[in-house]
N, C-alpha and C. Protein backbone atom coordinates (compact mmCIF):
# COMPACT_ATOMS: atom_id res chain seq x y z
N MET A 1 78.25 82.73 77.49
CA MET A 1 77.24 83.29 78.21
C MET A 1 77.88 84.33 79.17
N SER A 2 77.23 85.50 79.34
CA SER A 2 77.77 86.52 80.18
C SER A 2 77.73 86.20 81.63
N SER A 3 78.68 86.86 82.47
CA SER A 3 78.71 86.49 83.83
C SER A 3 77.86 87.61 84.58
N THR A 4 77.17 88.35 84.02
CA THR A 4 76.33 89.37 84.66
C THR A 4 75.20 88.67 85.54
N ASN A 5 75.06 89.08 86.73
CA ASN A 5 73.97 88.57 87.58
C ASN A 5 73.11 89.82 87.99
N HIS A 6 71.97 89.85 87.22
CA HIS A 6 71.06 91.00 87.26
C HIS A 6 70.51 91.16 88.73
N ILE A 7 70.21 89.99 89.40
CA ILE A 7 69.66 89.93 90.67
C ILE A 7 70.56 90.50 91.71
N THR A 8 71.92 90.04 91.57
CA THR A 8 72.82 90.62 92.50
C THR A 8 73.02 92.09 92.32
N ASP A 9 73.08 92.59 91.06
CA ASP A 9 73.32 93.88 90.72
C ASP A 9 72.11 94.71 91.31
N PHE A 10 70.81 94.18 91.20
CA PHE A 10 69.69 94.86 91.84
C PHE A 10 69.98 95.02 93.40
N PHE A 11 70.34 94.04 94.00
CA PHE A 11 70.53 94.21 95.49
C PHE A 11 71.76 95.05 95.94
N ALA A 12 72.75 95.14 94.91
CA ALA A 12 73.97 96.00 95.32
C ALA A 12 73.64 97.52 95.26
N GLU A 13 72.36 97.75 94.62
CA GLU A 13 71.98 99.17 94.60
C GLU A 13 71.58 99.64 96.12
N TYR A 14 71.49 98.81 96.95
CA TYR A 14 71.13 99.11 98.41
C TYR A 14 72.38 98.67 99.25
N SER A 15 73.28 99.64 99.34
CA SER A 15 74.59 99.44 99.95
C SER A 15 74.48 99.00 101.48
N ASP A 16 73.41 99.38 102.25
CA ASP A 16 73.37 99.05 103.55
C ASP A 16 72.66 97.65 103.76
N PHE A 17 72.27 97.02 102.72
CA PHE A 17 71.57 95.78 102.70
C PHE A 17 72.63 94.69 102.31
N ASN A 18 72.71 93.58 103.18
CA ASN A 18 73.72 92.48 102.88
C ASN A 18 72.93 91.36 102.27
N TYR A 19 72.92 91.29 100.95
CA TYR A 19 72.28 90.31 100.12
C TYR A 19 72.80 89.02 100.31
N ASP A 20 72.10 88.08 100.58
CA ASP A 20 72.62 86.56 100.79
C ASP A 20 71.88 85.78 99.68
N PRO A 21 72.91 85.51 98.59
CA PRO A 21 72.47 84.79 97.34
C PRO A 21 72.15 83.28 97.66
N ALA A 22 72.49 82.73 98.82
CA ALA A 22 72.04 81.41 99.19
C ALA A 22 70.57 81.42 99.48
N GLU A 23 69.96 82.46 99.78
CA GLU A 23 68.43 82.49 99.99
C GLU A 23 67.76 82.76 98.54
N THR A 24 66.45 82.49 98.54
CA THR A 24 65.75 82.87 97.23
C THR A 24 65.73 84.40 97.04
N ALA A 25 65.61 84.77 95.74
CA ALA A 25 65.70 86.32 95.51
C ALA A 25 64.37 86.88 96.09
N HIS A 26 63.25 86.13 96.05
CA HIS A 26 62.03 86.75 96.54
C HIS A 26 62.07 86.97 98.14
N SER A 27 62.62 85.92 98.76
CA SER A 27 62.73 86.11 100.25
C SER A 27 63.74 87.26 100.57
N GLU A 28 64.65 87.38 99.82
CA GLU A 28 65.70 88.51 99.96
C GLU A 28 65.05 89.77 99.73
N PHE A 29 64.18 89.94 98.71
CA PHE A 29 63.33 91.12 98.54
C PHE A 29 62.56 91.48 99.63
N ARG A 30 61.81 90.43 100.24
CA ARG A 30 60.93 90.74 101.42
C ARG A 30 61.84 91.25 102.52
N ARG A 31 63.03 90.66 102.69
CA ARG A 31 63.93 91.10 103.72
C ARG A 31 64.34 92.56 103.56
N LEU A 32 64.62 92.72 102.29
CA LEU A 32 65.00 94.29 101.93
C LEU A 32 63.92 95.20 102.30
N CYS A 33 62.75 94.80 102.03
CA CYS A 33 61.58 95.67 102.29
C CYS A 33 61.50 96.03 103.78
N ARG A 34 61.64 94.92 104.64
CA ARG A 34 61.64 95.07 106.06
C ARG A 34 62.75 96.05 106.54
N SER A 35 64.00 95.71 105.96
CA SER A 35 65.08 96.49 106.33
C SER A 35 65.01 97.98 106.01
N MET A 36 64.31 98.21 104.82
CA MET A 36 64.10 99.59 104.54
C MET A 36 62.89 100.35 105.13
N GLY A 37 62.12 99.41 105.87
CA GLY A 37 60.99 99.95 106.54
C GLY A 37 59.86 100.29 105.65
N TRP A 38 59.83 99.77 104.33
CA TRP A 38 58.74 100.03 103.32
C TRP A 38 57.35 99.41 103.79
N LYS A 39 56.41 100.16 103.59
CA LYS A 39 55.14 99.66 103.86
C LYS A 39 54.47 99.15 102.46
N ARG A 40 53.44 98.56 102.45
CA ARG A 40 52.86 97.93 101.27
C ARG A 40 52.86 98.80 99.97
N ASP A 41 52.19 100.00 100.08
CA ASP A 41 52.11 100.83 98.99
C ASP A 41 53.04 101.96 98.93
N ASP A 42 54.11 101.81 99.66
CA ASP A 42 55.05 102.98 99.63
C ASP A 42 55.69 103.05 98.25
N PRO A 43 55.74 104.27 97.65
CA PRO A 43 56.18 104.47 96.33
C PRO A 43 57.60 104.00 96.02
N GLU A 44 58.45 103.98 97.09
CA GLU A 44 59.84 103.46 96.98
C GLU A 44 59.80 102.08 96.78
N LYS A 45 58.97 101.30 97.52
CA LYS A 45 58.86 99.86 97.47
C LYS A 45 58.24 99.42 96.05
N VAL A 46 57.31 100.27 95.56
CA VAL A 46 56.72 99.92 94.27
C VAL A 46 57.71 100.02 93.17
N GLU A 47 58.61 101.08 93.33
CA GLU A 47 59.67 101.36 92.31
C GLU A 47 60.74 100.23 92.39
N ALA A 48 61.03 99.83 93.60
CA ALA A 48 61.99 98.77 93.91
C ALA A 48 61.52 97.43 93.34
N TYR A 49 60.19 97.15 93.50
CA TYR A 49 59.62 95.96 93.08
C TYR A 49 59.63 95.84 91.56
N THR A 50 59.37 96.94 90.83
CA THR A 50 59.41 97.00 89.47
C THR A 50 60.88 96.69 89.01
N ASP A 51 61.75 97.37 89.63
CA ASP A 51 63.21 97.11 89.38
C ASP A 51 63.71 95.62 89.48
N PHE A 52 63.10 95.12 90.73
CA PHE A 52 63.40 93.71 91.07
C PHE A 52 62.89 92.81 90.03
N GLN A 53 61.56 92.97 89.59
CA GLN A 53 61.06 92.23 88.57
C GLN A 53 61.78 92.17 87.30
N ASN A 54 62.24 93.50 86.86
CA ASN A 54 63.05 93.56 85.67
C ASN A 54 64.23 92.73 85.72
N ALA A 55 64.95 92.83 86.88
CA ALA A 55 66.23 92.06 87.16
C ALA A 55 65.93 90.51 87.02
N ILE A 56 64.90 89.99 87.52
CA ILE A 56 64.53 88.66 87.39
C ILE A 56 64.22 88.21 86.07
N VAL A 57 63.54 88.92 85.35
CA VAL A 57 63.30 88.77 83.85
C VAL A 57 64.67 88.75 83.08
N MET A 58 65.56 89.83 83.23
CA MET A 58 66.71 89.80 82.64
C MET A 58 67.65 88.72 82.87
N GLN A 59 67.50 88.28 84.07
CA GLN A 59 68.39 86.99 84.54
C GLN A 59 67.86 85.80 83.91
N PHE A 60 66.54 85.62 83.88
CA PHE A 60 65.98 84.50 83.26
C PHE A 60 66.25 84.56 81.70
N ASN A 61 66.07 85.71 81.11
CA ASN A 61 66.42 85.67 79.55
C ASN A 61 67.74 85.34 79.33
N GLU A 62 68.75 85.83 80.19
CA GLU A 62 70.17 85.62 79.94
C GLU A 62 70.44 84.15 80.19
N ARG A 63 69.82 83.53 81.07
CA ARG A 63 70.05 82.01 81.38
C ARG A 63 69.42 81.16 80.36
N PHE A 64 68.18 81.49 80.01
CA PHE A 64 67.49 80.57 79.10
C PHE A 64 67.10 81.03 77.82
N GLY A 65 67.41 82.23 77.48
CA GLY A 65 67.14 82.84 76.11
C GLY A 65 65.67 83.44 76.06
N THR A 66 65.41 83.96 74.93
CA THR A 66 64.11 84.63 74.64
C THR A 66 63.33 83.94 73.46
N ASP A 67 63.88 83.02 72.84
CA ASP A 67 63.28 82.53 71.70
C ASP A 67 62.41 81.31 72.04
N ALA A 68 61.08 81.53 72.21
CA ALA A 68 60.14 80.49 72.59
C ALA A 68 59.80 79.59 71.52
N ASP A 69 60.37 79.79 70.32
CA ASP A 69 59.97 78.99 69.18
C ASP A 69 60.98 77.92 68.87
N THR A 70 62.02 77.89 69.61
CA THR A 70 63.10 76.81 69.49
C THR A 70 63.10 75.86 70.86
N ILE A 71 63.56 74.57 70.57
CA ILE A 71 63.47 73.64 71.68
C ILE A 71 64.49 73.70 72.78
N GLU A 72 65.62 74.26 72.23
CA GLU A 72 66.83 74.22 73.14
C GLU A 72 66.61 74.98 74.48
N PRO A 73 66.06 76.21 74.56
CA PRO A 73 65.77 77.05 75.80
C PRO A 73 64.87 76.14 76.63
N TRP A 74 63.85 75.51 76.02
CA TRP A 74 62.80 74.74 76.77
C TRP A 74 63.54 73.49 77.38
N GLN A 75 64.49 72.81 76.70
CA GLN A 75 65.15 71.70 77.26
C GLN A 75 66.21 72.15 78.37
N LYS A 76 66.71 73.32 78.18
CA LYS A 76 67.66 73.80 79.22
C LYS A 76 66.82 74.19 80.55
N LEU A 77 65.66 74.75 80.30
CA LEU A 77 64.81 75.06 81.50
C LEU A 77 64.42 73.68 82.20
N CYS A 78 63.97 72.64 81.31
CA CYS A 78 63.54 71.54 81.99
C CYS A 78 64.78 70.77 82.70
N ARG A 79 65.94 70.91 82.13
CA ARG A 79 67.04 70.29 82.97
C ARG A 79 67.31 71.00 84.12
N ARG A 80 67.26 72.34 84.13
CA ARG A 80 67.48 73.27 85.26
C ARG A 80 66.45 72.96 86.37
N SER A 81 65.26 72.78 86.02
CA SER A 81 64.15 72.63 86.95
C SER A 81 63.92 71.17 87.37
N GLU A 82 64.85 70.32 86.91
CA GLU A 82 64.83 68.85 87.12
C GLU A 82 63.51 68.19 86.58
N ALA A 83 62.79 68.91 85.75
CA ALA A 83 61.62 68.26 85.09
C ALA A 83 62.22 67.14 84.28
N GLY A 84 63.40 67.17 83.73
CA GLY A 84 63.97 66.22 82.86
C GLY A 84 64.16 64.88 83.57
N ASN A 85 64.11 64.86 84.94
CA ASN A 85 64.23 63.56 85.76
C ASN A 85 62.90 62.84 85.83
N ARG A 86 61.83 63.39 85.33
CA ARG A 86 60.47 62.91 85.40
C ARG A 86 60.21 62.09 84.29
N THR A 87 59.43 61.02 84.29
CA THR A 87 59.08 60.35 83.15
C THR A 87 57.58 60.49 82.79
N CYS A 88 57.34 60.42 81.51
CA CYS A 88 55.97 60.49 80.96
C CYS A 88 55.37 59.32 80.48
N SER A 89 54.12 58.96 80.61
CA SER A 89 53.67 57.80 79.90
C SER A 89 53.56 58.01 78.48
N ARG A 90 53.20 59.35 78.00
CA ARG A 90 53.14 59.60 76.54
C ARG A 90 53.94 60.89 76.39
N ARG A 91 54.64 60.92 75.22
CA ARG A 91 55.33 62.07 74.92
C ARG A 91 55.35 62.23 73.28
N PRO A 92 55.41 63.40 72.82
CA PRO A 92 55.54 63.63 71.41
C PRO A 92 56.80 63.05 70.83
N GLU A 93 56.77 62.56 69.69
CA GLU A 93 57.82 61.94 68.94
C GLU A 93 58.94 63.00 68.86
N GLY A 94 60.07 62.63 69.15
CA GLY A 94 61.21 63.57 69.06
C GLY A 94 61.55 64.41 70.36
N SER A 95 60.61 64.29 71.26
CA SER A 95 60.95 65.11 72.54
C SER A 95 61.79 64.32 73.45
N GLU A 96 62.43 65.06 74.40
CA GLU A 96 63.36 64.41 75.37
C GLU A 96 62.55 63.63 76.29
N ARG A 97 63.03 62.53 76.89
CA ARG A 97 62.32 61.80 77.93
C ARG A 97 62.01 62.70 79.10
N GLY A 98 60.69 62.82 79.46
CA GLY A 98 60.34 63.59 80.76
C GLY A 98 60.34 65.11 80.45
N CYS A 99 60.77 65.53 79.25
CA CYS A 99 60.91 66.97 79.08
C CYS A 99 60.25 67.27 77.74
N ILE A 100 58.93 67.65 77.77
CA ILE A 100 58.17 67.93 76.53
C ILE A 100 58.33 69.32 76.16
């Protein structure tokens, strides 16, 4: 797996902004907007939000893959989201416990 962090790269484009990866990406984006003084429909904010969304999608795809037809990415997502720790009363044959 590549070590690229698209979200970190996005925030690095704003050199005056001190990104805190311990916070959620969305809360950091809101903080960036306040820091930049962007209003709701500011064209710069709209462009930044599009770039931010793209970074999130690229990060997700890199971490979990893009093939929705194979089970491995779904299992990985379940494990990451801790859904794998939940149990189900019914599950399809061959599925992991708690992760359908």
